[in-house]
């Protein structure tokens, strides 16, 4: 009786043990849910696009490359607010700073520091025709002044030496418009320029070998002990373990994230009445006045759109566009008009 009892117990244990062991493994028909780690390939950092270069928040403090910090930045013939405007720069445009100029006695509301930059290629210069040899378009005197306009009242924005060949574009009286040489220059308020950020490079150790995948050999779990007196049973076998990579052996090397542009475009929507500016030196001929107080809210500027501001004179409008500051009028910002509509 005792022998029969223990035999029944041994047979029960031998049948139950394989099933209990197999419950800890994935089903045979279902693949293992453990994801195989992948190795990230080392990549070189991507250079910023020319239209939107990476910049720093540091202002320009000497010669070298720089980036314009906002739209409609004036390039002037002299380091002065009352000097003529040669051209305008857009936000993100690259320039080459030749030197920094500091005014000893700046006027009220005038920047103290100016950046002398290489003249943009879209600006032309003027020379007096009597100092050019018409036979071969070369300079006759030892040094010839180049001016921003066809008269001696315009600023000198470059000089060329004797024998230099120029390319005439237009003749107006005694003056000839020519293509600007590489030495031509203009002036920009220094606080409107920023240093261009150096491209980030991922640091790599040349002595470290590239990551290598290592596989763990499959293992087989032995079957549990079986009573020799019990009927034969098939032992459960553990399926091969998936190949894994040791993350501590060779960590993946990734490139740093690209630098963010700290200068974010500020788009606003304002409501008011369109009136004319009272100052001839204002950045625009039209202003947006508050409906209740009639105080100037913004100057209105529309160089890149087909909006004709004079058509809205005296009307109540709703205007949307990028809001900027002109260095001469820090208390009244300028709106670069993108959309405008009348309000009944």
Protein backbone atom coordinates (compact mmCIF):
# COMPACT_ATOMS: atom_id res chain seq x y z
CA UNK A 1 0.00 0.00 0.00
CA UNK A 2 2.82 2.41 0.93
CA UNK A 3 4.74 1.50 -2.21
CA UNK A 4 1.68 2.19 -4.34
CA UNK A 5 1.13 5.56 -2.67
CA UNK A 6 4.67 6.81 -3.23
CA UNK A 7 4.66 5.56 -6.81
CA UNK A 8 1.54 7.61 -7.53
CA UNK A 9 3.18 10.70 -5.98
CA UNK A 10 6.38 10.26 -8.04
CA UNK A 11 4.43 9.87 -11.28
CA UNK A 12 2.42 13.05 -10.51
CA UNK A 13 5.56 15.08 -9.84
CA UNK A 14 7.29 13.87 -13.01
CA UNK A 15 4.30 14.91 -15.15
CA UNK A 16 3.80 18.30 -13.48
CA UNK A 17 7.45 19.44 -13.46
CA UNK A 18 7.93 19.92 -17.24
CA UNK A 19 4.72 21.91 -17.59
CA UNK A 20 5.63 24.23 -14.73
CA UNK A 21 9.10 24.86 -16.22
CA UNK A 22 7.73 25.60 -19.69
CA UNK A 23 5.38 28.35 -18.40
CA UNK A 24 8.40 30.67 -17.85
CA UNK A 25 9.37 30.55 -21.57
CA UNK A 26 7.66 32.21 -24.57
CA UNK A 27 5.30 29.96 -26.55
CA UNK A 28 6.89 28.03 -29.38
CA UNK A 29 4.71 29.73 -31.99
CA UNK A 30 5.37 33.27 -30.62
CA UNK A 31 8.80 34.93 -31.17
CA UNK A 32 10.63 36.35 -28.20
CA UNK A 33 9.47 39.84 -27.25
CA UNK A 34 12.95 40.87 -26.17
CA UNK A 35 14.10 43.51 -28.69
CA UNK A 36 17.57 43.07 -30.10
CA UNK A 37 19.60 46.16 -29.22
CA UNK A 38 20.88 48.08 -32.22
CA UNK A 39 24.11 50.01 -32.46
CA UNK A 40 23.85 53.68 -33.41
CA UNK A 41 26.33 54.63 -36.11
CA UNK A 42 28.55 57.59 -35.47
CA UNK A 43 27.48 60.45 -37.72
CA UNK A 44 29.13 63.72 -38.62
CA UNK A 45 27.25 66.88 -37.59
CA UNK A 46 25.26 68.52 -40.36
CA UNK A 47 26.34 72.06 -41.16
CA UNK A 48 23.61 74.73 -40.74
CA UNK A 49 21.78 75.84 -43.87
CA UNK A 50 23.06 79.04 -45.43
CA UNK A 51 19.62 80.69 -45.06
CA UNK A 52 19.54 80.22 -41.30
CA UNK A 53 23.11 79.98 -39.88
CA UNK A 54 23.68 79.19 -36.23
CA UNK A 55 24.39 82.32 -34.23
CA UNK A 56 25.30 83.17 -30.67
CA UNK A 57 23.79 85.78 -28.41
CA UNK A 58 27.18 87.54 -28.17
CA UNK A 59 27.39 90.88 -30.02
CA UNK A 60 30.19 91.52 -32.48
CA UNK A 61 33.39 92.77 -30.80
CA UNK A 62 35.99 92.71 -33.59
CA UNK A 63 36.85 91.62 -37.13
CA UNK A 64 35.50 88.37 -38.51
CA UNK A 65 32.31 86.73 -39.80
CA UNK A 66 28.99 87.80 -38.29
CA UNK A 67 25.26 87.26 -38.76
CA UNK A 68 22.48 89.87 -38.93
CA UNK A 69 20.13 89.64 -35.92
CA UNK A 70 16.93 91.14 -37.40
CA UNK A 71 15.29 92.20 -40.67
CA UNK A 72 15.68 95.55 -42.49
CA UNK A 73 19.05 96.45 -40.94
CA UNK A 74 20.45 99.60 -42.58
CA UNK A 75 23.93 99.68 -44.10
CA UNK A 76 25.07 103.31 -44.07
CA UNK A 77 27.83 105.28 -45.81
CA UNK A 78 29.23 106.56 -42.50
CA UNK A 79 29.10 105.55 -38.84
CA UNK A 80 26.28 108.01 -38.15
CA UNK A 81 22.49 107.90 -38.01
CA UNK A 82 22.11 110.81 -40.46
CA UNK A 83 24.26 109.13 -43.13
CA UNK A 84 22.67 107.80 -46.33
CA UNK A 85 21.37 104.21 -46.45
CA UNK A 86 23.27 102.10 -49.00
CA UNK A 87 21.20 98.91 -48.67
CA UNK A 88 19.30 96.81 -46.11
CA UNK A 89 20.17 93.41 -44.69
CA UNK A 90 17.86 90.57 -43.65
CA UNK A 91 17.93 88.44 -40.50
CA UNK A 92 20.39 85.56 -40.78
CA UNK A 93 22.43 87.16 -43.60
CA UNK A 94 26.20 86.71 -43.27
CA UNK A 95 28.56 89.70 -43.38
CA UNK A 96 32.30 90.20 -42.94
CA UNK A 97 33.27 92.70 -40.24
CA UNK A 98 36.46 94.62 -41.08
CA UNK A 99 36.75 96.55 -37.83
CA UNK A 100 34.73 97.99 -34.97
CA UNK A 101 34.34 101.77 -34.74
CA UNK A 102 33.56 103.47 -31.41
CA UNK A 103 32.21 107.04 -31.47
CA UNK A 104 33.79 109.35 -28.92
CA UNK A 105 30.79 111.69 -28.76
CA UNK A 106 27.68 109.95 -30.12
CA UNK A 107 24.53 111.99 -30.59
CA UNK A 108 21.38 111.37 -28.57
CA UNK A 109 19.71 108.04 -29.41
CA UNK A 110 22.69 107.13 -31.62
CA UNK A 111 24.66 103.85 -31.23
CA UNK A 112 28.14 104.23 -29.77
CA UNK A 113 29.62 101.18 -31.52
CA UNK A 114 29.50 100.56 -35.28
CA UNK A 115 30.74 97.67 -37.40
CA UNK A 116 32.60 98.48 -40.61
CA UNK A 117 31.67 95.66 -43.00
CA UNK A 118 32.55 94.60 -46.51
CA UNK A 119 30.04 96.16 -48.89
CA UNK A 120 27.33 93.69 -50.04
CA UNK A 121 27.53 92.74 -53.71
CA UNK A 122 24.14 94.28 -54.54
CA UNK A 123 25.46 97.82 -53.88
CA UNK A 124 27.13 99.85 -56.64
CA UNK A 125 29.60 102.70 -56.24
CA UNK A 126 30.40 105.86 -58.20
CA UNK A 127 33.64 107.38 -59.47
CA UNK A 128 34.36 110.68 -61.24
CA UNK A 129 34.74 110.03 -64.97
CA UNK A 130 37.69 112.43 -65.37
CA UNK A 131 39.87 110.13 -63.25
CA UNK A 132 39.24 107.06 -65.44
CA UNK A 133 41.01 106.26 -68.70
CA UNK A 134 38.19 105.68 -71.24
CA UNK A 135 40.47 103.55 -73.43
CA UNK A 136 40.88 100.72 -70.91
CA UNK A 137 38.74 101.79 -67.90
CA UNK A 138 41.72 102.07 -65.54
CA UNK A 139 42.35 104.50 -62.69
CA UNK A 140 44.66 107.41 -63.59
CA UNK A 141 45.53 109.05 -60.20
CA UNK A 142 47.48 107.32 -57.43
CA UNK A 143 44.31 106.88 -55.37
CA UNK A 144 40.68 107.39 -56.38
CA UNK A 145 37.73 107.81 -53.99
CA UNK A 146 34.61 105.73 -54.58
CA UNK A 147 31.37 107.31 -53.38
CA UNK A 148 27.87 106.12 -52.59
CA UNK A 149 26.28 108.45 -55.16
CA UNK A 150 27.08 110.65 -58.20
CA UNK A 151 28.33 113.74 -56.32
CA UNK A 152 30.96 114.83 -53.84
CA UNK A 153 28.21 115.22 -51.23
CA UNK A 154 27.93 111.44 -50.95
CA UNK A 155 30.05 109.40 -48.55
CA UNK A 156 33.38 107.84 -49.51
CA UNK A 157 32.88 104.07 -49.22
CA UNK A 158 36.14 102.83 -50.75
CA UNK A 159 39.38 103.71 -52.52
CA UNK A 160 41.20 102.09 -55.44
CA UNK A 161 44.80 102.43 -56.57
CA UNK A 162 46.30 103.61 -59.85
CA UNK A 163 45.98 101.13 -62.72
CA UNK A 164 42.98 99.32 -61.21
CA UNK A 165 40.51 98.16 -63.87
CA UNK A 166 36.86 99.03 -63.19
CA UNK A 167 33.65 97.77 -64.78
CA UNK A 168 31.37 100.68 -65.84
CA UNK A 169 27.61 100.14 -65.44
CA UNK A 170 26.03 103.56 -65.99
CA UNK A 171 27.10 107.13 -66.74
CA UNK A 172 25.36 110.15 -65.21
CA UNK A 173 26.92 113.48 -66.12
CA UNK A 174 30.55 113.50 -64.96
CA UNK A 175 30.09 110.36 -62.83
CA UNK A 176 30.29 106.66 -63.67
CA UNK A 177 28.61 103.88 -61.71
CA UNK A 178 30.98 100.89 -61.37
CA UNK A 179 30.97 97.48 -59.71
CA UNK A 180 32.26 97.71 -56.10
CA UNK A 181 35.74 96.32 -55.40
CA UNK A 182 36.41 93.92 -52.55
CA UNK A 183 37.77 96.82 -50.47
CA UNK A 184 34.49 98.81 -50.53
CA UNK A 185 32.75 99.10 -47.15
CA UNK A 186 29.68 100.30 -45.25
CA UNK A 187 28.65 100.72 -41.61
CA UNK A 188 26.09 98.87 -39.45
CA UNK A 189 25.15 99.47 -35.80
CA UNK A 190 27.19 96.82 -33.96
CA UNK A 191 24.36 95.67 -31.68
CA UNK A 192 22.42 94.49 -34.76
CA UNK A 193 25.08 91.88 -35.57
CA UNK A 194 26.00 88.70 -33.69
CA UNK A 195 28.91 86.30 -33.80
CA UNK A 196 28.35 83.23 -35.92
CA UNK A 197 28.51 80.04 -33.88
CA UNK A 198 31.27 77.59 -34.79
CA UNK A 199 29.96 74.25 -36.13
CA UNK A 200 29.74 71.60 -33.42
CA UNK A 201 31.93 68.51 -33.96
CA UNK A 202 31.35 65.22 -32.18
CA UNK A 203 34.43 64.29 -30.11
CA UNK A 204 35.71 60.79 -30.89
CA UNK A 205 38.62 58.83 -29.44
CA UNK A 206 40.69 57.31 -32.31
CA UNK A 207 42.05 54.64 -29.95
CA UNK A 208 38.60 53.18 -29.25
CA UNK A 209 37.64 50.43 -31.74
CA UNK A 210 34.22 50.53 -33.42
CA UNK A 211 31.34 48.80 -31.63
CA UNK A 212 31.15 45.03 -32.23
CA UNK A 213 28.09 42.89 -31.78
CA UNK A 214 28.58 39.80 -29.64
CA UNK A 215 26.17 36.91 -29.55
CA UNK A 216 25.37 34.68 -26.58
CA UNK A 217 25.49 30.98 -27.58
CA UNK A 218 22.19 29.17 -27.20
CA UNK A 219 21.77 27.14 -24.03
CA UNK A 220 19.65 24.12 -23.36
CA UNK A 221 17.92 23.67 -20.04
CA UNK A 222 18.27 20.09 -18.78
CA UNK A 223 15.12 18.15 -18.18
CA UNK A 224 14.09 17.59 -14.55
CA UNK A 225 14.82 14.24 -12.93
CA UNK A 226 12.32 11.50 -13.75
CA UNK A 227 11.45 8.53 -11.62
CA UNK A 228 12.74 5.43 -13.45
CA UNK A 229 9.63 3.59 -12.47
CA UNK A 230 7.41 6.18 -14.15
CA UNK A 231 6.43 6.14 -17.85
CA UNK A 232 8.98 7.95 -20.09
CA UNK A 233 8.34 11.67 -20.75
CA UNK A 234 10.00 14.23 -23.03
CA UNK A 235 12.09 16.89 -21.28
CA UNK A 236 11.32 20.56 -22.07
CA UNK A 237 14.08 22.39 -23.89
CA UNK A 238 14.66 26.13 -23.63
CA UNK A 239 14.68 27.81 -27.09
CA UNK A 240 17.93 29.57 -28.10
CA UNK A 241 18.35 32.99 -26.52
CA UNK A 242 18.44 35.92 -28.98
CA UNK A 243 21.79 37.54 -29.71
CA UNK A 244 22.36 40.61 -27.54
CA UNK A 245 24.99 43.30 -27.36
CA UNK A 246 26.85 44.17 -24.21
CA UNK A 247 26.06 47.90 -23.75
CA UNK A 248 28.94 48.37 -21.30
CA UNK A 249 31.57 47.15 -23.78
CA UNK A 250 31.35 49.81 -26.49
CA UNK A 251 28.85 52.65 -25.92
CA UNK A 252 27.29 54.19 -29.01
CA UNK A 253 28.66 57.57 -30.13
CA UNK A 254 26.11 60.09 -31.28
CA UNK A 255 26.43 63.58 -32.69
CA UNK A 256 25.37 66.54 -30.51
CA UNK A 257 22.06 68.26 -31.33
CA UNK A 258 22.34 71.27 -33.67
CA UNK A 259 22.58 74.69 -32.09
CA UNK A 260 19.31 76.57 -31.72
CA UNK A 261 18.77 80.02 -33.13
CA UNK A 262 18.19 82.34 -30.14
CA UNK A 263 16.56 84.99 -32.34
CA UNK A 264 12.91 84.01 -32.75
CA UNK A 265 10.65 85.84 -35.18
CA UNK A 266 8.06 87.91 -33.25
CA UNK A 267 4.74 88.13 -35.13
CA UNK A 268 2.04 90.38 -33.66
CA UNK A 269 -1.44 91.62 -34.56
CA UNK A 270 -2.40 95.22 -33.79
CA UNK A 271 -5.54 97.33 -34.27
CA UNK A 272 -5.50 101.05 -34.79
CA UNK A 273 -5.79 103.97 -37.22
CA UNK A 274 -3.30 104.66 -40.04
CA UNK A 275 -1.77 108.17 -39.90
CA UNK A 276 1.25 109.86 -41.48
CA UNK A 277 4.58 110.24 -39.64
CA UNK A 278 5.49 113.71 -38.44
CA UNK A 279 9.28 113.26 -38.73
CA UNK A 280 11.14 112.94 -42.03
CA UNK A 281 13.77 110.81 -40.28
CA UNK A 282 11.23 108.24 -39.08
CA UNK A 283 11.74 104.66 -40.36
CA UNK A 284 8.38 104.83 -42.18
CA UNK A 285 6.01 107.44 -43.59
CA UNK A 286 3.02 105.84 -41.81
CA UNK A 287 2.23 105.02 -38.19
CA UNK A 288 -0.46 103.02 -36.40
CA UNK A 289 -2.23 105.10 -33.73
CA UNK A 290 -4.25 103.84 -30.77
CA UNK A 291 -7.99 104.28 -31.28
CA UNK A 292 -8.70 105.84 -27.88
CA UNK A 293 -5.55 107.83 -27.05
CA UNK A 294 -4.29 108.49 -30.63
CA UNK A 295 -0.81 107.59 -29.38
CA UNK A 296 1.64 106.03 -31.86
CA UNK A 297 1.76 102.25 -31.40
CA UNK A 298 3.91 101.14 -34.33
CA UNK A 299 5.55 102.36 -37.49
CA UNK A 300 4.21 100.51 -40.55
CA UNK A 301 6.66 99.14 -43.12
CA UNK A 302 5.85 96.92 -46.14
CA UNK A 303 8.93 96.38 -48.36
CA UNK A 304 8.28 92.72 -49.23
CA UNK A 305 4.50 92.86 -49.82
CA UNK A 306 2.15 94.56 -52.24
CA UNK A 307 0.40 96.51 -49.47
CA UNK A 308 0.07 100.20 -50.36
CA UNK A 309 -0.15 101.88 -46.96
CA UNK A 310 -1.37 105.22 -48.31
CA UNK A 311 -4.59 103.49 -49.44
CA UNK A 312 -5.41 102.89 -45.77
CA UNK A 313 -4.70 106.45 -44.58
CA UNK A 314 -7.21 107.54 -41.90
CA UNK A 315 -8.84 104.08 -41.75
CA UNK A 316 -9.21 101.73 -38.82
CA UNK A 317 -7.28 98.55 -39.60
CA UNK A 318 -6.14 95.20 -38.21
CA UNK A 319 -2.50 94.57 -39.17
CA UNK A 320 -0.35 91.44 -38.73
CA UNK A 321 3.42 91.16 -39.22
CA UNK A 322 6.87 90.81 -37.67
CA UNK A 323 7.59 93.41 -35.00
CA UNK A 324 11.14 94.86 -34.94
CA UNK A 325 13.02 97.73 -33.30
CA UNK A 326 14.82 100.55 -35.12
CA UNK A 327 17.86 101.78 -33.17
CA UNK A 328 16.78 105.40 -33.65
CA UNK A 329 13.25 104.90 -32.26
CA UNK A 330 13.52 102.42 -29.36
CA UNK A 331 10.14 103.40 -27.89
CA UNK A 332 8.09 102.79 -31.06
CA UNK A 333 8.66 99.42 -32.78
CA UNK A 334 8.20 98.79 -36.50
CA UNK A 335 5.77 96.25 -37.96
CA UNK A 336 6.87 94.61 -41.20
CA UNK A 337 3.35 94.27 -42.66
CA UNK A 338 2.37 90.79 -43.84
CA UNK A 339 -1.44 91.12 -43.71
CA UNK A 340 -3.75 94.10 -43.37
CA UNK A 341 -7.55 94.48 -43.35
CA UNK A 342 -9.97 97.27 -42.55
CA UNK A 343 -12.19 97.14 -39.48
CA UNK A 344 -15.73 98.54 -39.75
